């Protein structure tokens, strides 16, 4: 099993991967005996997913681990047994709360009569009334205590042996759990089907995974918002078609990135909040097995479903399911992650382009090597990693789309192996790119002098319209001025393109007597800040009215930096 260790020092989160499976350690001992390196090579003779072993956080890796999965199975079996034992009578008493908090009633021949509060009765009378009040199945407290004591004592070898024998993963773990709980063995999984633990665990896992991603995304937005505020008024050359366009500001360009991420934050929040529990539905979603258990009492079956749903931390459960919850849930989950992947890919591509222009760079460690052959290289490897993983993330949504489309009738099992891969990989990938992007956003470096130089190269052409307006105001002809500037612009362009020289359009305008009346205005007409419009004001308004309120729920989770180990 691959496990992870997280160390916190001075607000910095460091991630380190290590391998601890007994099988791997045995292989390491054998390799050492053969003079092949020993412990340092442990685990390197089998494939390991780079997402879990190299990139993702320990928290996300655990959520999709076998330990979390099978512990959740056992917890769900306990929830089911507790609810089957404690199931109250239908009616107002089934609304929840303690005996002293809820109104008690019992249906007698179509009428409702009040039942005395057992807490108000002394001694034996109270115990007797409590026993009467538990109208569920004959499951003992001793059986439940035995299950509670063994939620985490999973014998994985026994489970593997059982699965090899039975060819059924859920029944393998039913038997393994029963071996730990001999008194409770007979009531484990009572009335349930495999999807009771399988699908409900997946929904719990998706919810936890979203809850881990959301504050990470909020931290990225927060870092970029600080960057945008700092550089809200710094003019920079805008690009359309990656060709020079009108000026914008460094902060305004960053807000384009932030806006996409804010949309992702809202969509991820909705996806998490829209998750519903599968609940207790039986083999084809009809709850027939539970109706049989409770002798045709529909109210008890509905209350059982509600109780287990609430125990699992969900507000709502699906009323309608087949054997599984609808696989469109997986589509929705991976769609929002794919959209996040598109946002991150665009942001990191922009940073890579700007790094080529030497205007903006991601962090570069003091001893970092950009190229094994070219020591001067400063490659944007973090952003390149984000783009690489984001492409993978965007393609994963195709899996649940196809899976949902081919689920025959109440269900087919060809979803299972596919979902084991795509769900985990999607969240592990999203986790990785958010951690990496946070690291990038915390160390972005701006080079104002390079930006200024590029503006000087392009601004003369952009300023021609302002120059024409100034000449007209000074008494000149718009058409004559336009023609003179056209000729001078072509000459300046030839110097840039054919001779490799600097743009000398302004020098040519200064040397032309025709423009004498406005020579004193040229410095003002060429001030870059006069070409950025309302960019700085837009940044301030956007951050104040949209971004900061969106981050408010995460105020207590925005601290701490990410330091990448790779």
Foldseek 3Di string as FASTA:
>chain_A
DKAWDWDDDPQAIETATDDDDPVQLVVLVVCVVVVNHGPVCRPVVDDDPCLLRPFFHRVLNVLLDPQVQQLLLLVLLLLLLVCQQQQFDFDQVLPDDDLVPTWAWDADPNDIDGDDRLVVDDDPSSVVVSNVGRPGDPDDPLLSVQSVVCSRVFDVVQLVVQCVVVVDNQVSSLVRSCVSRVPNSVSGQQLADPQSSVQQSVLLSLLVLLVVLLLLLLLLLVLLLVVLLVWLQQKFFDDDVNHTDFIAIPSLVSVVLSVLSLVLSVLSVVLSLPRAGQFGQHQFRPSVSVCVSSVNDPSSSVSSRCSSRVVSPGPHHDNDATRHRQLVSVLSSLVSLLSVLVSLLVVLVVQQVVVVLVFKAFDDDPPHAQDPVDRVDDHRVLSVVSNVLSVVSNVLSVLSVVLNVPAPDSGDCPNPVSCSPSVSSNSSSSSRNSQSSLNRSNGMDGDSVSRVQVCQQPLVVVLLVVLLVVLVVVPDDSVVSVVVLVVLQVVQVCCCPVVVDGRCSVVVLLVDVSSVVCPVVVVVSSDSSVRNPCSSVVSVCCCVPPSVVSSVVVVVPNTGHYDYPD
